[in-house]
Protein backbone atom coordinates (compact mmCIF):
# COMPACT_ATOMS: atom_id res chain seq x y z
CA UNK A 1 106.99 -90.90 3.07
CA UNK A 2 104.13 -88.75 3.70
CA UNK A 3 102.08 -91.28 5.61
CA UNK A 4 105.34 -92.11 7.80
CA UNK A 5 105.77 -88.47 8.69
CA UNK A 6 102.33 -88.21 9.83
CA UNK A 7 102.44 -90.97 11.98
CA UNK A 8 105.85 -89.70 13.31
CA UNK A 9 104.11 -86.36 14.10
CA UNK A 10 101.20 -87.79 15.98
CA UNK A 11 103.60 -89.83 18.23
CA UNK A 12 105.66 -86.71 19.03
CA UNK A 13 102.55 -84.79 19.92
CA UNK A 14 101.47 -87.26 22.37
CA UNK A 15 104.78 -87.77 24.04
CA UNK A 16 104.67 -83.68 24.48
CA UNK A 17 101.21 -83.76 26.18
CA UNK A 18 102.18 -86.59 28.24
CA UNK A 19 105.32 -84.89 29.68
CA UNK A 20 103.49 -81.65 30.35
CA UNK A 21 100.90 -83.52 32.38
CA UNK A 22 103.68 -85.28 34.45
CA UNK A 23 105.49 -81.86 34.95
CA UNK A 24 102.31 -80.23 36.23
CA UNK A 25 101.20 -83.06 38.54
CA UNK A 26 103.60 -85.70 39.52
CA UNK A 27 107.28 -84.04 39.37
CA UNK A 28 108.92 -83.92 42.60
CA UNK A 29 108.87 -80.12 42.76
CA UNK A 30 105.11 -80.01 42.90
CA UNK A 31 103.33 -79.87 46.35
CA UNK A 32 101.26 -83.06 46.57
CA UNK A 33 97.51 -83.18 47.65
CA UNK A 34 96.84 -84.48 51.05
CA UNK A 35 93.78 -85.61 52.67
CA UNK A 36 92.25 -83.79 55.95
CA UNK A 37 94.94 -84.38 58.50
CA UNK A 38 95.29 -83.17 62.19
CA UNK A 39 97.30 -80.06 62.60
CA UNK A 40 99.99 -79.47 65.17
CA UNK A 41 99.82 -76.25 67.12
CA UNK A 42 103.20 -74.65 68.50
CA UNK A 43 102.51 -76.44 72.03
CA UNK A 44 102.85 -79.74 70.55
CA UNK A 45 99.14 -80.58 70.95
CA UNK A 46 97.34 -82.25 68.02
CA UNK A 47 94.22 -80.61 66.90
CA UNK A 48 91.63 -81.25 64.20
CA UNK A 49 91.45 -79.23 61.20
CA UNK A 50 88.58 -76.55 61.62
CA UNK A 51 85.37 -77.67 59.76
CA UNK A 52 83.99 -75.78 56.63
CA UNK A 53 81.72 -72.76 57.63
CA UNK A 54 78.12 -73.54 58.20
CA UNK A 55 75.27 -71.74 57.08
CA UNK A 56 74.14 -69.08 59.81
CA UNK A 57 71.59 -70.50 62.31
CA UNK A 58 68.50 -68.12 63.08
CA UNK A 59 68.81 -66.76 66.65
CA UNK A 60 66.37 -68.79 68.56
CA UNK A 61 66.81 -67.00 72.06
CA UNK A 62 63.10 -66.06 72.14
CA UNK A 63 62.18 -69.92 71.71
CA UNK A 64 61.94 -71.86 74.99
CA UNK A 65 64.31 -75.07 75.48
CA UNK A 66 62.90 -78.43 74.62
CA UNK A 67 61.98 -80.76 77.66
CA UNK A 68 64.48 -83.68 77.83
CA UNK A 69 62.74 -86.68 75.95
CA UNK A 70 62.01 -89.73 78.44
CA UNK A 71 64.90 -92.30 77.71
CA UNK A 72 63.69 -95.17 80.25
CA UNK A 73 60.42 -96.29 81.77
CA UNK A 74 58.03 -95.31 82.74
CA UNK A 75 57.33 -93.55 79.39
CA UNK A 76 54.76 -90.69 79.02
CA UNK A 77 52.30 -90.90 76.20
CA UNK A 78 51.00 -87.47 74.61
CA UNK A 79 47.42 -87.88 73.26
CA UNK A 80 45.35 -85.03 71.86
CA UNK A 81 42.10 -84.42 70.24
CA UNK A 82 41.48 -82.73 66.90
CA UNK A 83 44.67 -80.35 66.31
CA UNK A 84 42.98 -78.39 63.52
CA UNK A 85 40.49 -75.81 64.13
CA UNK A 86 38.42 -73.96 61.29
CA UNK A 87 37.24 -70.57 62.73
CA UNK A 88 35.08 -69.97 59.75
CA UNK A 89 35.30 -66.10 59.13
CA UNK A 90 36.50 -63.36 61.45
CA UNK A 91 37.36 -59.49 60.86
CA UNK A 92 40.61 -57.57 60.55
CA UNK A 93 42.12 -56.62 63.98
CA UNK A 94 39.66 -59.07 65.67
CA UNK A 95 41.11 -61.44 68.12
CA UNK A 96 40.03 -64.95 68.26
CA UNK A 97 40.91 -67.65 70.74
CA UNK A 98 40.73 -71.51 70.73
CA UNK A 99 41.60 -74.07 73.46
CA UNK A 100 43.25 -77.47 72.28
CA UNK A 101 44.01 -80.23 74.79
CA UNK A 102 46.94 -82.69 75.68
CA UNK A 103 46.38 -85.88 77.79
CA UNK A 104 48.81 -87.84 79.35
CA UNK A 105 47.90 -91.80 78.68
CA UNK A 106 51.33 -93.09 79.60
CA UNK A 107 52.81 -94.13 82.95
CA UNK A 108 55.38 -91.74 83.57
CA UNK A 109 55.17 -87.78 83.78
CA UNK A 110 54.80 -85.83 80.59
CA UNK A 111 56.66 -82.46 80.23
CA UNK A 112 55.69 -79.74 77.67
CA UNK A 113 56.98 -76.47 76.44
CA UNK A 114 56.01 -74.02 73.85
CA UNK A 115 58.03 -74.17 70.86
CA UNK A 116 58.15 -72.19 67.54
CA UNK A 117 54.82 -70.36 66.57
CA UNK A 118 54.08 -68.56 63.34
CA UNK A 119 54.23 -64.72 63.94
CA UNK A 120 50.68 -63.93 63.58
CA UNK A 121 49.65 -66.67 66.35
CA UNK A 122 50.31 -66.64 69.81
CA UNK A 123 49.93 -69.41 72.74
CA UNK A 124 47.77 -67.86 75.53
CA UNK A 125 49.59 -70.31 77.84
CA UNK A 126 49.85 -73.81 78.92
CA UNK A 127 47.69 -74.24 81.83
CA UNK A 128 50.69 -76.28 83.43
CA UNK A 129 54.04 -77.60 81.80
CA UNK A 130 54.14 -81.13 83.58
CA UNK A 131 51.25 -83.47 83.44
CA UNK A 132 50.84 -86.40 85.43
CA UNK A 133 49.53 -89.88 84.31
CA UNK A 134 45.88 -89.80 83.69
CA UNK A 135 45.74 -85.87 83.64
CA UNK A 136 45.73 -83.33 80.65
CA UNK A 137 46.61 -79.63 79.90
CA UNK A 138 44.73 -77.04 78.03
CA UNK A 139 46.65 -75.14 75.27
CA UNK A 140 45.20 -72.03 74.22
CA UNK A 141 45.95 -70.38 70.93
CA UNK A 142 45.05 -66.69 70.08
CA UNK A 143 45.50 -64.78 66.89
CA UNK A 144 44.70 -61.23 65.46
CA UNK A 145 44.96 -61.00 61.81
CA UNK A 146 46.26 -57.52 60.50
CA UNK A 147 45.02 -57.65 56.96
CA UNK A 148 42.42 -59.37 54.64
CA UNK A 149 43.32 -63.18 53.68
CA UNK A 150 41.13 -65.41 51.94
CA UNK A 151 43.21 -68.57 53.28
CA UNK A 152 44.35 -67.45 56.86
CA UNK A 153 46.46 -70.36 58.61
CA UNK A 154 48.53 -70.21 61.46
CA UNK A 155 50.14 -72.94 63.59
CA UNK A 156 52.14 -73.25 66.90
CA UNK A 157 54.43 -76.20 68.04
CA UNK A 158 54.34 -77.79 71.50
CA UNK A 159 57.51 -79.88 72.47
CA UNK A 160 56.97 -83.00 74.50
CA UNK A 161 58.89 -85.46 76.50
CA UNK A 162 57.21 -88.35 74.86
CA UNK A 163 59.66 -90.24 72.61
CA UNK A 164 57.10 -91.16 70.53
CA UNK A 165 55.65 -87.58 69.80
CA UNK A 166 58.48 -85.13 70.59
CA UNK A 167 56.61 -82.50 68.82
CA UNK A 168 52.88 -81.68 68.27
CA UNK A 169 51.55 -78.98 66.02
CA UNK A 170 48.16 -77.19 66.48
CA UNK A 171 46.73 -75.16 63.43
CA UNK A 172 43.92 -72.71 63.04
CA UNK A 173 42.53 -71.78 59.53
CA UNK A 174 39.67 -69.61 58.14
CA UNK A 175 38.92 -66.43 56.17
CA UNK A 176 39.73 -63.02 57.22
CA UNK A 177 37.61 -60.14 55.89
CA UNK A 178 36.54 -56.60 56.64
CA UNK A 179 33.91 -57.01 59.12
CA UNK A 180 31.68 -54.46 57.16
CA UNK A 181 31.79 -52.66 53.82
CA UNK A 182 30.10 -49.29 52.83
CA UNK A 183 29.01 -49.33 49.35
CA UNK A 184 30.07 -46.65 47.91
CA UNK A 185 32.86 -45.92 50.43
CA UNK A 186 32.73 -42.81 52.63
CA UNK A 187 30.91 -40.52 50.18
CA UNK A 188 27.37 -40.95 48.76
CA UNK A 189 26.75 -38.43 45.88
CA UNK A 190 23.04 -37.20 45.59
CA UNK A 191 23.51 -35.41 42.21
CA UNK A 192 21.58 -32.27 41.28
CA UNK A 193 19.00 -30.52 43.24
CA UNK A 194 16.90 -28.21 41.26
CA UNK A 195 13.78 -26.35 41.60
CA UNK A 196 11.74 -29.37 39.97
CA UNK A 197 13.59 -32.25 41.22
CA UNK A 198 15.24 -33.69 44.43
CA UNK A 199 18.82 -35.14 44.66
CA UNK A 200 18.55 -39.00 45.47
CA UNK A 201 21.24 -41.54 45.95
CA UNK A 202 21.49 -45.16 47.43
CA UNK A 203 24.11 -46.85 49.54
CA UNK A 204 24.43 -50.00 51.32
CA UNK A 205 26.28 -51.27 54.64
CA UNK A 206 26.93 -55.02 54.56
CA UNK A 207 28.64 -57.27 57.02
CA UNK A 208 30.29 -60.50 55.87
CA UNK A 209 31.02 -61.60 59.40
CA UNK A 210 28.02 -61.37 61.38
CA UNK A 211 24.32 -60.23 61.54
CA UNK A 212 23.63 -56.72 62.75
CA UNK A 213 20.82 -54.19 63.24
CA UNK A 214 20.77 -50.35 62.44
CA UNK A 215 19.38 -48.56 65.34
CA UNK A 216 19.17 -45.20 63.93
CA UNK A 217 20.12 -42.69 61.43
CA UNK A 218 21.21 -39.19 62.23
CA UNK A 219 21.41 -36.49 59.40
CA UNK A 220 23.12 -33.09 60.33
CA UNK A 221 21.07 -31.08 57.79
CA UNK A 222 17.15 -31.13 57.93
CA UNK A 223 17.03 -31.12 53.84
CA UNK A 224 18.68 -34.59 53.89
CA UNK A 225 16.46 -37.46 54.90
CA UNK A 226 17.63 -41.01 55.08
CA UNK A 227 15.55 -44.15 55.13
CA UNK A 228 16.55 -47.90 55.33
CA UNK A 229 15.46 -51.48 54.54
CA UNK A 230 17.12 -54.85 55.00
CA UNK A 231 18.67 -56.26 51.98
CA UNK A 232 16.98 -59.31 50.47
CA UNK A 233 18.51 -62.68 50.22
CA UNK A 234 19.72 -62.38 46.53
CA UNK A 235 21.48 -59.03 47.14
CA UNK A 236 23.23 -60.31 50.20
CA UNK A 237 24.12 -63.38 48.13
CA UNK A 238 25.84 -61.18 45.43
CA UNK A 239 27.78 -59.13 48.13
CA UNK A 240 28.56 -62.30 50.07
CA UNK A 241 27.13 -60.88 53.40
CA UNK A 242 25.44 -62.24 56.26
CA UNK A 243 23.34 -59.02 56.64
CA UNK A 244 23.17 -55.75 55.23
CA UNK A 245 20.72 -52.75 54.62
CA UNK A 246 20.02 -50.53 51.77
CA UNK A 247 19.75 -46.81 52.56
CA UNK A 248 17.96 -44.04 50.24
CA UNK A 249 19.34 -40.69 50.81
CA UNK A 250 17.14 -37.57 49.52
CA UNK A 251 18.21 -33.95 49.34
CA UNK A 252 14.86 -31.81 49.13
CA UNK A 253 14.47 -28.83 46.99
CA UNK A 254 14.72 -26.28 49.90
CA UNK A 255 18.34 -26.99 49.88
CA UNK A 256 20.44 -23.70 49.73
CA UNK A 257 21.89 -22.88 46.31
CA UNK A 258 25.56 -24.22 45.74
CA UNK A 259 27.57 -27.19 46.53
CA UNK A 260 26.94 -29.07 49.76
CA UNK A 261 28.37 -31.97 51.79
CA UNK A 262 26.17 -33.17 54.76
CA UNK A 263 27.39 -35.78 57.47
CA UNK A 264 25.03 -38.66 58.24
CA UNK A 265 25.71 -41.02 60.96
CA UNK A 266 24.41 -44.60 60.79
CA UNK A 267 24.15 -46.06 64.39
CA UNK A 268 24.55 -49.88 64.20
CA UNK A 269 25.10 -53.03 66.63
CA UNK A 270 28.25 -53.71 64.81
CA UNK A 271 31.61 -54.15 66.70
CA UNK A 272 29.79 -53.07 70.06
CA UNK A 273 27.42 -50.33 68.82
CA UNK A 274 29.61 -48.92 65.96
CA UNK A 275 28.80 -45.47 64.38
CA UNK A 276 29.34 -45.32 60.73
CA UNK A 277 29.78 -41.83 59.28
CA UNK A 278 29.04 -40.91 55.49
CA UNK A 279 29.41 -37.67 53.69
CA UNK A 280 26.31 -36.83 51.40
CA UNK A 281 27.41 -34.40 48.37
CA UNK A 282 25.59 -32.81 45.84
CA UNK A 283 24.65 -29.54 43.89
CA UNK A 284 21.84 -27.23 44.46
CA UNK A 285 21.89 -25.68 40.95
CA UNK A 286 18.85 -23.39 41.96
CA UNK A 287 16.63 -22.44 39.04
CA UNK A 288 19.30 -23.99 36.47
CA UNK A 289 20.28 -27.25 35.46
CA UNK A 290 23.40 -28.08 33.53
CA UNK A 291 23.74 -30.66 30.93
CA UNK A 292 26.94 -32.53 29.57
CA UNK A 293 29.12 -30.25 27.47
CA UNK A 294 29.38 -30.22 23.70
CA UNK A 295 32.89 -30.75 22.58
CA UNK A 296 35.98 -32.49 24.17
CA UNK A 297 35.66 -30.95 27.75
CA UNK A 298 34.92 -32.34 31.11
CA UNK A 299 32.05 -30.95 33.44
CA UNK A 300 32.24 -31.26 37.26
CA UNK A 301 28.89 -29.93 38.50
CA UNK A 302 29.68 -30.10 42.28
CA UNK A 303 32.38 -27.77 41.86
CA UNK A 304 30.90 -25.87 38.77
CA UNK A 305 34.20 -26.65 37.24
CA UNK A 306 34.63 -26.74 33.27
CA UNK A 307 37.85 -28.46 31.97
CA UNK A 308 38.57 -27.70 28.32
CA UNK A 309 41.70 -30.01 28.08
CA UNK A 310 44.77 -29.08 25.91
CA UNK A 311 44.23 -26.15 23.51
CA UNK A 312 46.27 -25.51 20.61
CA UNK A 313 47.13 -21.78 20.55
CA UNK A 314 47.18 -21.50 16.68
CA UNK A 315 43.76 -23.07 16.74
CA UNK A 316 42.09 -21.92 19.91
CA UNK A 317 38.95 -23.76 21.06
CA UNK A 318 35.16 -23.37 21.94
CA UNK A 319 33.27 -25.28 24.23
CA UNK A 320 29.34 -25.16 24.86
CA UNK A 321 27.60 -25.96 28.14
CA UNK A 322 23.87 -26.55 27.78
CA UNK A 323 21.60 -25.46 30.59
CA UNK A 324 17.87 -25.55 31.15
CA UNK A 325 16.66 -22.40 33.29
CA UNK A 326 13.56 -22.11 35.33
CA UNK A 327 11.60 -19.48 36.93
CA UNK A 328 12.24 -16.53 34.54
CA UNK A 329 9.60 -15.16 32.33
CA UNK A 330 11.94 -12.56 30.59
CA UNK A 331 14.54 -13.59 28.20
CA UNK A 332 17.54 -14.75 30.11
CA UNK A 333 20.53 -12.52 29.74
CA UNK A 334 24.14 -12.06 30.93
CA UNK A 335 24.29 -8.60 32.14
CA UNK A 336 28.20 -8.54 33.38
CA UNK A 337 31.14 -10.76 32.82
CA UNK A 338 34.01 -10.74 35.41
CA UNK A 339 36.96 -13.11 34.76
CA UNK A 340 40.81 -13.06 35.82
CA UNK A 341 41.52 -13.99 32.34
CA UNK A 342 40.34 -11.47 30.01
CA UNK A 343 41.19 -13.26 26.81
CA UNK A 344 38.66 -16.17 27.80
CA UNK A 345 35.29 -15.16 26.22
CA UNK A 346 32.00 -16.27 27.71
CA UNK A 347 28.75 -15.68 26.03
CA UNK A 348 25.28 -17.05 25.80
CA UNK A 349 23.07 -18.40 22.87
CA UNK A 350 19.63 -19.88 22.61
CA UNK A 351 19.37 -23.67 22.59
CA UNK A 352 15.62 -24.12 21.50
CA UNK A 353 16.18 -28.05 21.42
CA UNK A 354 16.11 -28.24 25.31
CA UNK A 355 13.34 -25.59 25.92
CA UNK A 356 10.17 -26.51 27.03
CA UNK A 357 7.16 -24.58 28.25
CA UNK A 358 8.50 -21.75 30.68
CA UNK A 359 11.81 -23.54 30.72
CA UNK A 360 14.36 -21.87 28.59
CA UNK A 361 17.17 -23.64 26.98
CA UNK A 362 20.58 -21.84 26.72
CA UNK A 363 24.08 -22.64 25.76
CA UNK A 364 27.07 -21.06 27.85
CA UNK A 365 29.72 -20.76 25.26
CA UNK A 366 33.38 -20.72 26.34
CA UNK A 367 36.11 -19.65 24.01
CA UNK A 368 39.73 -19.59 23.92
CA UNK A 369 40.46 -17.41 20.60
CA UNK A 370 43.49 -18.13 18.41
CA UNK A 371 46.67 -16.95 19.82
CA UNK A 372 45.63 -16.76 23.44
CA UNK A 373 48.34 -16.65 25.78
CA UNK A 374 50.27 -19.96 26.43
CA UNK A 375 49.36 -20.74 29.94
CA UNK A 376 48.46 -23.90 32.16
CA UNK A 377 45.22 -22.77 34.18
CA UNK A 378 44.21 -25.83 36.48
CA UNK A 379 42.93 -26.01 39.83
CA UNK A 380 44.03 -24.47 42.18
CA UNK A 381 45.04 -21.85 39.62
CA UNK A 382 41.89 -22.02 37.47
CA UNK A 383 40.14 -19.08 35.60
CA UNK A 384 37.54 -17.73 37.97
CA UNK A 385 34.29 -16.40 36.01
CA UNK A 386 31.35 -14.68 37.68
CA UNK A 387 28.33 -13.82 35.45
CA UNK A 388 25.82 -11.18 36.55
CA UNK A 389 22.42 -12.18 35.23
CA UNK A 390 18.79 -11.03 35.01
CA UNK A 391 17.39 -13.87 36.95
CA UNK A 392 15.59 -12.88 39.95
CA UNK A 393 16.61 -16.04 41.98
CA UNK A 394 20.22 -16.24 40.53
CA UNK A 395 21.84 -12.84 40.28
CA UNK A 396 25.22 -14.61 39.82
CA UNK A 397 26.82 -17.61 38.49
CA UNK A 398 30.22 -18.87 39.42
CA UNK A 399 32.53 -20.91 37.02
CA UNK A 400 35.89 -22.35 37.42
CA UNK A 401 37.49 -23.16 33.88
CA UNK A 402 40.56 -25.18 33.42
CA UNK A 403 42.76 -25.56 30.26
CA UNK A 404 46.48 -26.05 29.08
CA UNK A 405 47.04 -23.66 26.21
CA UNK A 406 50.07 -24.35 24.26
């Protein structure tokens, strides 16, 4: 009986499922699917149903219309030479041109029109748009890259009336680079100038595109001299250059005390006698040479700026700045300290480790004591410190001190 009941349940379930499907799809009250049929408009005319919407087509109003393709004899025959031109290397914003040609080797006239071109390439013009049998036309492409590109490639399409070649593509490719590079860029730092040493630095000007010459170098300060020599082959190979020069810049010991920025002008034959301007910077520290600070701090010599970093108020912090002092026979002393943050303490201590002969070694000690005010003093709101000294050539020393005390 149990088996019979199970079979009966399955049969009844299948019947119910079939009835549900029939009611949903095939009953008379259900609207049946109809294939695409003509529509009847109110005027009695038969019209086709509108086709499904198509993707938007790019507006080609700037593209010239294609010439009609020849459909009967006599037919034209478009023949070209090489359709790809390797221009090698060129500079950013430099314009180059190349001329291709199309000949008509057929029996009928060949009609031409400029088709789509890539945005960075333009056709200088077709010398004519209708070519007689046996004649030819020049196609000039011009391009001006706007940025550096290792693999620069552009192309342009020419439409024709030749049924065998309705489209012809011309392509140019190569490498786009800066015409020249200055190493380091814009600023060459000559370091410290003291009573016993000159400031010196080196720089290069390298062209990756063309060979060039340096016609002259002009310094705006008589205490900064510049000499130059051509770079050797190995150096040029490492810089991927075709030509280049090494410059040696010296700032002599007669430079006035303080930081300096001296423009120099390098006159070249690049880009039609281009002049390259470089700033030479450095510090004339007079009879004093500062060494790297002791402790976690940063020293920017050209601005006489000491950055003590973050300081915990409950701990305070002390930073020592070593210095070698020249040109004084008496013991170097600080006579007076002036600061716009009275809680910042500045003192000096002997440093015999760096003293030699008449040179004195000292430590300038900058201290934020415990429980100093919680302040942020960074440029342009750094602490200005002026030290009056007994040095005959260095009456005052100026410091900028930065820190974040929390």
